[in-house]
Amino acid sequence: MKTNARVHVRAADVRKIIKDLSLLVVSFDHLGSAYYDRPEQRALQTDKFLMDVKAFKILARIRAVLSKAYNSQSTKEAITELEEEAEKLPYWEEK
């Protein structure tokens, strides 16, 4: 897929994604500011926030919406290329 190609996503989905990302980004900023000098408390409050808002479900839903749009509007080659790039990401692993 050309880098300037377009993928269309429903406006309602985009609005929801923007709101969800705003919730997460602004909250992380506030958490970092509130507990910048107390890393243990920041970690505890961040964990609590992630669980309270079900952040992992939010992010999984965002990924699903964007993946569905991309996969339905892209060539098999473009999809394969993205999958190969994703395999190279530095995913967290337990040491």
PDB file of N, CA and C in Angstrom:
ATOM      1  N   MET A   1       0.847  -1.173   0.000  1.00  0.00           N
ATOM      2  CA  MET A   1       0.000   0.000   0.000  1.00  0.00           C
ATOM      3  C   MET A   1       0.895   1.240   0.000  1.00  0.00           C
ATOM      4  N   LYS A   2       0.562   2.185  -0.824  1.00  0.00           N
ATOM      5  CA  LYS A   2       1.331   3.418  -0.865  1.00  0.00           C
ATOM      6  C   LYS A   2       1.183   4.143   0.473  1.00  0.00           C
ATOM      7  N   THR A   3       2.251   4.813   0.879  1.00  0.00           N
ATOM      8  CA  THR A   3       2.209   5.489   2.175  1.00  0.00           C
ATOM      9  C   THR A   3       1.192   6.616   2.217  1.00  0.00           C
ATOM     10  N   ASN A   4       0.785   7.140   1.078  1.00  0.00           N
ATOM     11  CA  ASN A   4      -0.211   8.201   1.074  1.00  0.00           C
ATOM     12  C   ASN A   4      -1.613   7.674   0.754  1.00  0.00           C
ATOM     13  N   ALA A   5      -1.760   6.350   0.695  1.00  0.00           N
ATOM     14  CA  ALA A   5      -3.073   5.762   0.452  1.00  0.00           C
ATOM     15  C   ALA A   5      -3.987   6.063   1.636  1.00  0.00           C
ATOM     16  N   ARG A   6      -5.271   6.025   1.411  1.00  0.00           N
ATOM     17  CA  ARG A   6      -6.226   6.328   2.471  1.00  0.00           C
ATOM     18  C   ARG A   6      -6.981   5.086   2.894  1.00  0.00           C
ATOM     19  N   VAL A   7      -7.273   5.042   4.168  1.00  0.00           N
ATOM     20  CA  VAL A   7      -8.126   4.003   4.724  1.00  0.00           C
ATOM     21  C   VAL A   7      -9.291   4.740   5.364  1.00  0.00           C
ATOM     22  N   HIS A   8     -10.480   4.359   5.004  1.00  0.00           N
ATOM     23  CA  HIS A   8     -11.670   5.040   5.512  1.00  0.00           C
ATOM     24  C   HIS A   8     -12.196   4.317   6.746  1.00  0.00           C
ATOM     25  N   VAL A   9     -12.476   5.107   7.776  1.00  0.00           N
ATOM     26  CA  VAL A   9     -13.038   4.603   9.028  1.00  0.00           C
ATOM     27  C   VAL A   9     -14.293   5.424   9.293  1.00  0.00           C
ATOM     28  N   ARG A  10     -15.327   4.769   9.763  1.00  0.00           N
ATOM     29  CA  ARG A  10     -16.582   5.481  10.052  1.00  0.00           C
ATOM     30  C   ARG A  10     -16.335   6.617  11.041  1.00  0.00           C
ATOM     31  N   ALA A  11     -16.993   7.739  10.801  1.00  0.00           N
ATOM     32  CA  ALA A  11     -16.819   8.913  11.665  1.00  0.00           C
ATOM     33  C   ALA A  11     -17.163   8.590  13.115  1.00  0.00           C
ATOM     34  N   ALA A  12     -18.181   7.794  13.348  1.00  0.00           N
ATOM     35  CA  ALA A  12     -18.553   7.434  14.726  1.00  0.00           C
ATOM     36  C   ALA A  12     -17.428   6.657  15.402  1.00  0.00           C
ATOM     37  N   ASP A  13     -16.760   5.788  14.651  1.00  0.00           N
ATOM     38  CA  ASP A  13     -15.632   5.035  15.209  1.00  0.00           C
ATOM     39  C   ASP A  13     -14.458   5.963  15.516  1.00  0.00           C
ATOM     40  N   VAL A  14     -14.194   6.905  14.617  1.00  0.00           N
ATOM     41  CA  VAL A  14     -13.097   7.849  14.832  1.00  0.00           C
ATOM     42  C   VAL A  14     -13.375   8.703  16.063  1.00  0.00           C
ATOM     43  N   ARG A  15     -14.602   9.168  16.210  1.00  0.00           N
ATOM     44  CA  ARG A  15     -14.954   9.976  17.388  1.00  0.00           C
ATOM     45  C   ARG A  15     -14.723   9.190  18.668  1.00  0.00           C
ATOM     46  N   LYS A  16     -15.143   7.928  18.698  1.00  0.00           N
ATOM     47  CA  LYS A  16     -14.970   7.091  19.881  1.00  0.00           C
ATOM     48  C   LYS A  16     -13.483   6.866  20.157  1.00  0.00           C
ATOM     49  N   ILE A  17     -12.722   6.604  19.128  1.00  0.00           N
ATOM     50  CA  ILE A  17     -11.283   6.390  19.287  1.00  0.00           C
ATOM     51  C   ILE A  17     -10.615   7.646  19.845  1.00  0.00           C
ATOM     52  N   ILE A  18     -10.948   8.799  19.307  1.00  0.00           N
ATOM     53  CA  ILE A  18     -10.360  10.046  19.800  1.00  0.00           C
ATOM     54  C   ILE A  18     -10.712  10.268  21.265  1.00  0.00           C
ATOM     55  N   LYS A  19     -11.960  10.034  21.633  1.00  0.00           N
ATOM     56  CA  LYS A  19     -12.360  10.204  23.027  1.00  0.00           C
ATOM     57  C   LYS A  19     -11.627   9.216  23.933  1.00  0.00           C
ATOM     58  N   ASP A  20     -11.538   7.963  23.511  1.00  0.00           N
ATOM     59  CA  ASP A  20     -10.841   6.952  24.315  1.00  0.00           C
ATOM     60  C   ASP A  20      -9.363   7.296  24.473  1.00  0.00           C
ATOM     61  N   LEU A  21      -8.718   7.686  23.383  1.00  0.00           N
ATOM     62  CA  LEU A  21      -7.310   8.048  23.463  1.00  0.00           C
ATOM     63  C   LEU A  21      -7.100   9.299  24.311  1.00  0.00           C
ATOM     64  N   SER A  22      -8.007  10.239  24.224  1.00  0.00           N
ATOM     65  CA  SER A  22      -7.916  11.438  25.057  1.00  0.00           C
ATOM     66  C   SER A  22      -8.009  11.068  26.531  1.00  0.00           C
ATOM     67  N   LEU A  23      -8.939  10.189  26.868  1.00  0.00           N
ATOM     68  CA  LEU A  23      -9.062   9.727  28.249  1.00  0.00           C
ATOM     69  C   LEU A  23      -7.734   9.159  28.737  1.00  0.00           C
ATOM     70  N   LEU A  24      -7.127   8.315  27.954  1.00  0.00           N
ATOM     71  CA  LEU A  24      -5.886   7.665  28.361  1.00  0.00           C
ATOM     72  C   LEU A  24      -4.713   8.642  28.406  1.00  0.00           C
ATOM     73  N   VAL A  25      -4.519   9.404  27.353  1.00  0.00           N
ATOM     74  CA  VAL A  25      -3.364  10.298  27.273  1.00  0.00           C
ATOM     75  C   VAL A  25      -3.427  11.386  28.348  1.00  0.00           C
ATOM     76  N   VAL A  26      -4.569  12.030  28.492  1.00  0.00           N
ATOM     77  CA  VAL A  26      -4.690  13.099  29.495  1.00  0.00           C
ATOM     78  C   VAL A  26      -4.539  12.520  30.896  1.00  0.00           C
ATOM     79  N   SER A  27      -5.125  11.366  31.139  1.00  0.00           N
ATOM     80  CA  SER A  27      -5.008  10.747  32.458  1.00  0.00           C
ATOM     81  C   SER A  27      -3.569  10.362  32.772  1.00  0.00           C
ATOM     82  N   PHE A  28      -2.844   9.814  31.793  1.00  0.00           N
ATOM     83  CA  PHE A  28      -1.439   9.481  32.020  1.00  0.00           C
ATOM     84  C   PHE A  28      -0.632  10.735  32.332  1.00  0.00           C
ATOM     85  N   ASP A  29      -0.929  11.816  31.628  1.00  0.00           N
ATOM     86  CA  ASP A  29      -0.248  13.079  31.893  1.00  0.00           C
ATOM     87  C   ASP A  29      -0.536  13.553  33.315  1.00  0.00           C
ATOM     88  N   HIS A  30      -1.795  13.482  33.724  1.00  0.00           N
ATOM     89  CA  HIS A  30      -2.160  13.899  35.084  1.00  0.00           C
ATOM     90  C   HIS A  30      -1.513  13.006  36.134  1.00  0.00           C
ATOM     91  N   LEU A  31      -1.509  11.709  35.894  1.00  0.00           N
ATOM     92  CA  LEU A  31      -0.862  10.785  36.827  1.00  0.00           C
ATOM     93  C   LEU A  31       0.630  11.083  36.949  1.00  0.00           C
ATOM     94  N   GLY A  32       1.268  11.303  35.829  1.00  0.00           N
ATOM     95  CA  GLY A  32       2.695  11.603  35.851  1.00  0.00           C
ATOM     96  C   GLY A  32       2.995  12.894  36.589  1.00  0.00           C
ATOM     97  N   SER A  33       2.142  13.890  36.400  1.00  0.00           N
ATOM     98  CA  SER A  33       2.346  15.171  37.092  1.00  0.00           C
ATOM     99  C   SER A  33       2.059  15.054  38.581  1.00  0.00           C
ATOM    100  N   ALA A  34       1.000  14.370  38.937  1.00  0.00           N
ATOM    101  CA  ALA A  34       0.599  14.269  40.346  1.00  0.00           C
ATOM    102  C   ALA A  34       1.605  13.474  41.170  1.00  0.00           C
ATOM    103  N   TYR A  35       2.222  12.481  40.565  1.00  0.00           N
ATOM    104  CA  TYR A  35       3.111  11.584  41.310  1.00  0.00           C
ATOM    105  C   TYR A  35       4.531  11.578  40.759  1.00  0.00           C
ATOM    106  N   TYR A  36       4.938  12.679  40.112  1.00  0.00           N
ATOM    107  CA  TYR A  36       6.252  12.689  39.466  1.00  0.00           C
ATOM    108  C   TYR A  36       7.396  12.407  40.436  1.00  0.00           C
ATOM    109  N   ASP A  37       7.239  12.807  41.689  1.00  0.00           N
ATOM    110  CA  ASP A  37       8.320  12.610  42.653  1.00  0.00           C
ATOM    111  C   ASP A  37       8.081  11.409  43.569  1.00  0.00           C
ATOM    112  N   ARG A  38       7.032  10.622  43.248  1.00  0.00           N
ATOM    113  CA  ARG A  38       6.721   9.427  44.045  1.00  0.00           C
ATOM    114  C   ARG A  38       6.474   8.253  43.104  1.00  0.00           C
ATOM    115  N   PRO A  39       7.530   7.676  42.575  1.00  0.00           N
ATOM    116  CA  PRO A  39       7.382   6.633  41.547  1.00  0.00           C
ATOM    117  C   PRO A  39       6.591   5.415  42.002  1.00  0.00           C
ATOM    118  N   GLU A  40       6.705   5.021  43.260  1.00  0.00           N
ATOM    119  CA  GLU A  40       5.943   3.852  43.718  1.00  0.00           C
ATOM    120  C   GLU A  40       4.448   4.156  43.724  1.00  0.00           C
ATOM    121  N   GLN A  41       4.086   5.335  44.201  1.00  0.00           N
ATOM    122  CA  GLN A  41       2.670   5.731  44.212  1.00  0.00           C
ATOM    123  C   GLN A  41       2.158   5.919  42.784  1.00  0.00           C
ATOM    124  N   ARG A  42       3.013   6.466  41.896  1.00  0.00           N
ATOM    125  CA  ARG A  42       2.630   6.626  40.493  1.00  0.00           C
ATOM    126  C   ARG A  42       2.323   5.267  39.877  1.00  0.00           C
ATOM    127  N   ALA A  43       3.163   4.291  40.158  1.00  0.00           N
ATOM    128  CA  ALA A  43       2.943   2.950  39.620  1.00  0.00           C
ATOM    129  C   ALA A  43       1.631   2.359  40.145  1.00  0.00           C
ATOM    130  N   LEU A  44       1.383   2.504  41.428  1.00  0.00           N
ATOM    131  CA  LEU A  44       0.139   1.973  42.016  1.00  0.00           C
ATOM    132  C   LEU A  44      -1.086   2.653  41.431  1.00  0.00           C
ATOM    133  N   GLN A  45      -1.047   3.986  41.341  1.00  0.00           N
ATOM    134  CA  GLN A  45      -2.196   4.728  40.830  1.00  0.00           C
ATOM    135  C   GLN A  45      -2.402   4.477  39.331  1.00  0.00           C
ATOM    136  N   THR A  46      -1.313   4.308  38.614  1.00  0.00           N
ATOM    137  CA  THR A  46      -1.435   3.994  37.186  1.00  0.00           C
ATOM    138  C   THR A  46      -2.077   2.624  37.002  1.00  0.00           C
ATOM    139  N   ASP A  47      -1.622   1.636  37.755  1.00  0.00           N
ATOM    140  CA  ASP A  47      -2.227   0.304  37.691  1.00  0.00           C
ATOM    141  C   ASP A  47      -3.716   0.362  38.015  1.00  0.00           C
ATOM    142  N   LYS A  48      -4.064   1.107  39.061  1.00  0.00           N
ATOM    143  CA  LYS A  48      -5.469   1.230  39.458  1.00  0.00           C
ATOM    144  C   LYS A  48      -6.286   1.879  38.344  1.00  0.00           C
ATOM    145  N   PHE A  49      -5.763   2.950  37.771  1.00  0.00           N
ATOM    146  CA  PHE A  49      -6.457   3.629  36.681  1.00  0.00           C
ATOM    147  C   PHE A  49      -6.660   2.686  35.491  1.00  0.00           C
ATOM    148  N   LEU A  50      -5.611   1.971  35.109  1.00  0.00           N
ATOM    149  CA  LEU A  50      -5.714   1.052  33.971  1.00  0.00           C
ATOM    150  C   LEU A  50      -6.809   0.018  34.185  1.00  0.00           C
ATOM    151  N   MET A  51      -6.899  -0.492  35.405  1.00  0.00           N
ATOM    152  CA  MET A  51      -7.921  -1.493  35.710  1.00  0.00           C
ATOM    153  C   MET A  51      -9.314  -0.852  35.787  1.00  0.00           C
ATOM    154  N   ASP A  52      -9.417   0.310  36.427  1.00  0.00           N
ATOM    155  CA  ASP A  52     -10.713   0.970  36.603  1.00  0.00           C
ATOM    156  C   ASP A  52     -11.377   1.317  35.274  1.00  0.00           C
ATOM    157  N   VAL A  53     -10.600   1.819  34.328  1.00  0.00           N
ATOM    158  CA  VAL A  53     -11.189   2.216  33.037  1.00  0.00           C
ATOM    159  C   VAL A  53     -11.135   1.102  31.996  1.00  0.00           C
ATOM    160  N   LYS A  54     -10.583  -0.043  32.399  1.00  0.00           N
ATOM    161  CA  LYS A  54     -10.451  -1.176  31.464  1.00  0.00           C
ATOM    162  C   LYS A  54      -9.664  -0.748  30.219  1.00  0.00           C
ATOM    163  N   ALA A  55      -8.511  -0.127  30.475  1.00  0.00           N
ATOM    164  CA  ALA A  55      -7.698   0.435  29.397  1.00  0.00           C
ATOM    165  C   ALA A  55      -7.300  -0.605  28.362  1.00  0.00           C
ATOM    166  N   PHE A  56      -7.059  -1.829  28.801  1.00  0.00           N
ATOM    167  CA  PHE A  56      -6.617  -2.857  27.852  1.00  0.00           C
ATOM    168  C   PHE A  56      -7.736  -3.226  26.881  1.00  0.00           C
ATOM    169  N   LYS A  57      -8.976  -3.203  27.361  1.00  0.00           N
ATOM    170  CA  LYS A  57     -10.111  -3.441  26.463  1.00  0.00           C
ATOM    171  C   LYS A  57     -10.293  -2.272  25.500  1.00  0.00           C
ATOM    172  N   ILE A  58     -10.095  -1.058  25.996  1.00  0.00           N
ATOM    173  CA  ILE A  58     -10.196   0.131  25.141  1.00  0.00           C
ATOM    174  C   ILE A  58      -9.177   0.033  24.011  1.00  0.00           C
ATOM    175  N   LEU A  59      -7.940  -0.252  24.367  1.00  0.00           N
ATOM    176  CA  LEU A  59      -6.885  -0.327  23.349  1.00  0.00           C
ATOM    177  C   LEU A  59      -7.106  -1.487  22.375  1.00  0.00           C
ATOM    178  N   ALA A  60      -7.580  -2.607  22.869  1.00  0.00           N
ATOM    179  CA  ALA A  60      -7.858  -3.746  21.991  1.00  0.00           C
ATOM    180  C   ALA A  60      -8.984  -3.401  21.012  1.00  0.00           C
ATOM    181  N   ARG A  61     -10.008  -2.675  21.478  1.00  0.00           N
ATOM    182  CA  ARG A  61     -11.111  -2.277  20.602  1.00  0.00           C
ATOM    183  C   ARG A  61     -10.618  -1.308  19.537  1.00  0.00           C
ATOM    184  N   ILE A  62      -9.780  -0.344  19.935  1.00  0.00           N
ATOM    185  CA  ILE A  62      -9.231   0.604  18.966  1.00  0.00           C
ATOM    186  C   ILE A  62      -8.439  -0.146  17.900  1.00  0.00           C
ATOM    187  N   ARG A  63      -7.600  -1.068  18.336  1.00  0.00           N
ATOM    188  CA  ARG A  63      -6.799  -1.852  17.382  1.00  0.00           C
ATOM    189  C   ARG A  63      -7.707  -2.652  16.446  1.00  0.00           C
ATOM    190  N   ALA A  64      -8.768  -3.227  16.982  1.00  0.00           N
ATOM    191  CA  ALA A  64      -9.683  -4.021  16.156  1.00  0.00           C
ATOM    192  C   ALA A  64     -10.371  -3.160  15.100  1.00  0.00           C
ATOM    193  N   VAL A  65     -10.823  -1.985  15.482  1.00  0.00           N
ATOM    194  CA  VAL A  65     -11.490  -1.082  14.532  1.00  0.00           C
ATOM    195  C   VAL A  65     -10.531  -0.689  13.412  1.00  0.00           C
ATOM    196  N   LEU A  66      -9.324  -0.277  13.797  1.00  0.00           N
ATOM    197  CA  LEU A  66      -8.358   0.155  12.787  1.00  0.00           C
ATOM    198  C   LEU A  66      -7.874  -1.019  11.926  1.00  0.00           C
ATOM    199  N   SER A  67      -7.670  -2.172  12.531  1.00  0.00           N
ATOM    200  CA  SER A  67      -7.242  -3.348  11.770  1.00  0.00           C
ATOM    201  C   SER A  67      -8.306  -3.778  10.776  1.00  0.00           C
ATOM    202  N   LYS A  68      -9.555  -3.759  11.213  1.00  0.00           N
ATOM    203  CA  LYS A  68     -10.657  -4.146  10.312  1.00  0.00           C
ATOM    204  C   LYS A  68     -10.712  -3.209   9.107  1.00  0.00           C
ATOM    205  N   ALA A  69     -10.606  -1.914   9.351  1.00  0.00           N
ATOM    206  CA  ALA A  69     -10.641  -0.949   8.252  1.00  0.00           C
ATOM    207  C   ALA A  69      -9.443  -1.151   7.324  1.00  0.00           C
ATOM    208  N   TYR A  70      -8.263  -1.291   7.899  1.00  0.00           N
ATOM    209  CA  TYR A  70      -7.051  -1.457   7.096  1.00  0.00           C
ATOM    210  C   TYR A  70      -7.102  -2.751   6.288  1.00  0.00           C
ATOM    211  N   ASN A  71      -7.459  -3.838   6.947  1.00  0.00           N
ATOM    212  CA  ASN A  71      -7.461  -5.139   6.274  1.00  0.00           C
ATOM    213  C   ASN A  71      -8.523  -5.228   5.181  1.00  0.00           C
ATOM    214  N   SER A  72      -9.642  -4.550   5.364  1.00  0.00           N
ATOM    215  CA  SER A  72     -10.713  -4.622   4.358  1.00  0.00           C
ATOM    216  C   SER A  72     -10.439  -3.731   3.149  1.00  0.00           C
ATOM    217  N   GLN A  73      -9.492  -2.804   3.288  1.00  0.00           N
ATOM    218  CA  GLN A  73      -9.252  -1.846   2.212  1.00  0.00           C
ATOM    219  C   GLN A  73      -7.830  -1.921   1.642  1.00  0.00           C
ATOM    220  N   SER A  74      -7.067  -2.902   2.060  1.00  0.00           N
ATOM    221  CA  SER A  74      -5.671  -3.011   1.639  1.00  0.00           C
ATOM    222  C   SER A  74      -5.452  -4.282   0.834  1.00  0.00           C
ATOM    223  N   THR A  75      -4.340  -4.294   0.133  1.00  0.00           N
ATOM    224  CA  THR A  75      -3.970  -5.495  -0.613  1.00  0.00           C
ATOM    225  C   THR A  75      -3.386  -6.526   0.348  1.00  0.00           C
ATOM    226  N   LYS A  76      -3.354  -7.762  -0.092  1.00  0.00           N
ATOM    227  CA  LYS A  76      -2.739  -8.817   0.721  1.00  0.00           C
ATOM    228  C   LYS A  76      -1.269  -8.501   0.991  1.00  0.00           C
ATOM    229  N   GLU A  77      -0.600  -7.914   0.014  1.00  0.00           N
ATOM    230  CA  GLU A  77       0.809  -7.559   0.188  1.00  0.00           C
ATOM    231  C   GLU A  77       0.979  -6.514   1.289  1.00  0.00           C
ATOM    232  N   ALA A  78       0.114  -5.520   1.305  1.00  0.00           N
ATOM    233  CA  ALA A  78       0.194  -4.469   2.320  1.00  0.00           C
ATOM    234  C   ALA A  78      -0.086  -5.033   3.705  1.00  0.00           C
ATOM    235  N   ILE A  79      -1.037  -5.922   3.787  1.00  0.00           N
ATOM    236  CA  ILE A  79      -1.370  -6.548   5.073  1.00  0.00           C
ATOM    237  C   ILE A  79      -0.195  -7.385   5.562  1.00  0.00           C
ATOM    238  N   THR A  80       0.388  -8.161   4.670  1.00  0.00           N
ATOM    239  CA  THR A  80       1.550  -8.981   5.025  1.00  0.00           C
ATOM    240  C   THR A  80       2.711  -8.102   5.465  1.00  0.00           C
ATOM    241  N   GLU A  81       2.940  -7.014   4.772  1.00  0.00           N
ATOM    242  CA  GLU A  81       4.025  -6.089   5.129  1.00  0.00           C
ATOM    243  C   GLU A  81       3.805  -5.527   6.536  1.00  0.00           C
ATOM    244  N   LEU A  82       2.598  -5.128   6.838  1.00  0.00           N
ATOM    245  CA  LEU A  82       2.293  -4.603   8.175  1.00  0.00           C
ATOM    246  C   LEU A  82       2.499  -5.677   9.242  1.00  0.00           C
ATOM    247  N   GLU A  83       2.038  -6.883   8.964  1.00  0.00           N
ATOM    248  CA  GLU A  83       2.222  -7.985   9.915  1.00  0.00           C
ATOM    249  C   GLU A  83       3.707  -8.248  10.175  1.00  0.00           C
ATOM    250  N   GLU A  84       4.518  -8.196   9.125  1.00  0.00           N
ATOM    251  CA  GLU A  84       5.959  -8.415   9.278  1.00  0.00           C
ATOM    252  C   GLU A  84       6.601  -7.299  10.092  1.00  0.00           C
ATOM    253  N   GLU A  85       6.166  -6.064   9.859  1.00  0.00           N
ATOM    254  CA  GLU A  85       6.681  -4.939  10.644  1.00  0.00           C
ATOM    255  C   GLU A  85       6.277  -5.081  12.112  1.00  0.00           C
ATOM    256  N   ALA A  86       5.050  -5.522  12.349  1.00  0.00           N
ATOM    257  CA  ALA A  86       4.559  -5.680  13.721  1.00  0.00           C
ATOM    258  C   ALA A  86       5.332  -6.765  14.461  1.00  0.00           C
ATOM    259  N   GLU A  87       5.734  -7.810  13.759  1.00  0.00           N
ATOM    260  CA  GLU A  87       6.508  -8.886  14.387  1.00  0.00           C
ATOM    261  C   GLU A  87       7.850  -8.391  14.920  1.00  0.00           C
ATOM    262  N   LYS A  88       8.356  -7.300  14.373  1.00  0.00           N
ATOM    263  CA  LYS A  88       9.663  -6.770  14.766  1.00  0.00           C
ATOM    264  C   LYS A  88       9.575  -5.752  15.910  1.00  0.00           C
ATOM    265  N   LEU A  89       8.383  -5.446  16.367  1.00  0.00           N
ATOM    266  CA  LEU A  89       8.237  -4.456  17.448  1.00  0.00           C
ATOM    267  C   LEU A  89       8.826  -4.985  18.740  1.00  0.00           C
ATOM    268  N   PRO A  90       9.329  -4.097  19.579  1.00  0.00           N
ATOM    269  CA  PRO A  90       9.957  -4.541  20.841  1.00  0.00           C
ATOM    270  C   PRO A  90       8.911  -4.817  21.927  1.00  0.00           C
ATOM    271  N   TYR A  91       8.149  -5.890  21.760  1.00  0.00           N
ATOM    272  CA  TYR A  91       7.125  -6.258  22.731  1.00  0.00           C
ATOM    273  C   TYR A  91       7.750  -6.555  24.088  1.00  0.00           C
ATOM    274  N   TRP A  92       7.023  -6.245  25.136  1.00  0.00           N
ATOM    275  CA  TRP A  92       7.477  -6.552  26.481  1.00  0.00           C
ATOM    276  C   TRP A  92       7.506  -8.055  26.668  1.00  0.00           C
ATOM    277  N   GLU A  93       8.537  -8.518  27.309  1.00  0.00           N
ATOM    278  CA  GLU A  93       8.643  -9.933  27.684  1.00  0.00           C
ATOM    279  C   GLU A  93       9.206 -10.016  29.092  1.00  0.00           C
ATOM    280  N   GLU A  94       8.751 -10.979  29.839  1.00  0.00           N
ATOM    281  CA  GLU A  94       9.288 -11.168  31.178  1.00  0.00           C
ATOM    282  C   GLU A  94      10.726 -11.641  31.060  1.00  0.00           C
ATOM    283  N   LYS A  95      11.577 -11.024  31.824  1.00  0.00           N
ATOM    284  CA  LYS A  95      13.005 -11.359  31.769  1.00  0.00           C
ATOM    285  C   LYS A  95      13.300 -12.574  32.627  1.00  0.00           C
TER     286      LYS A  95
END
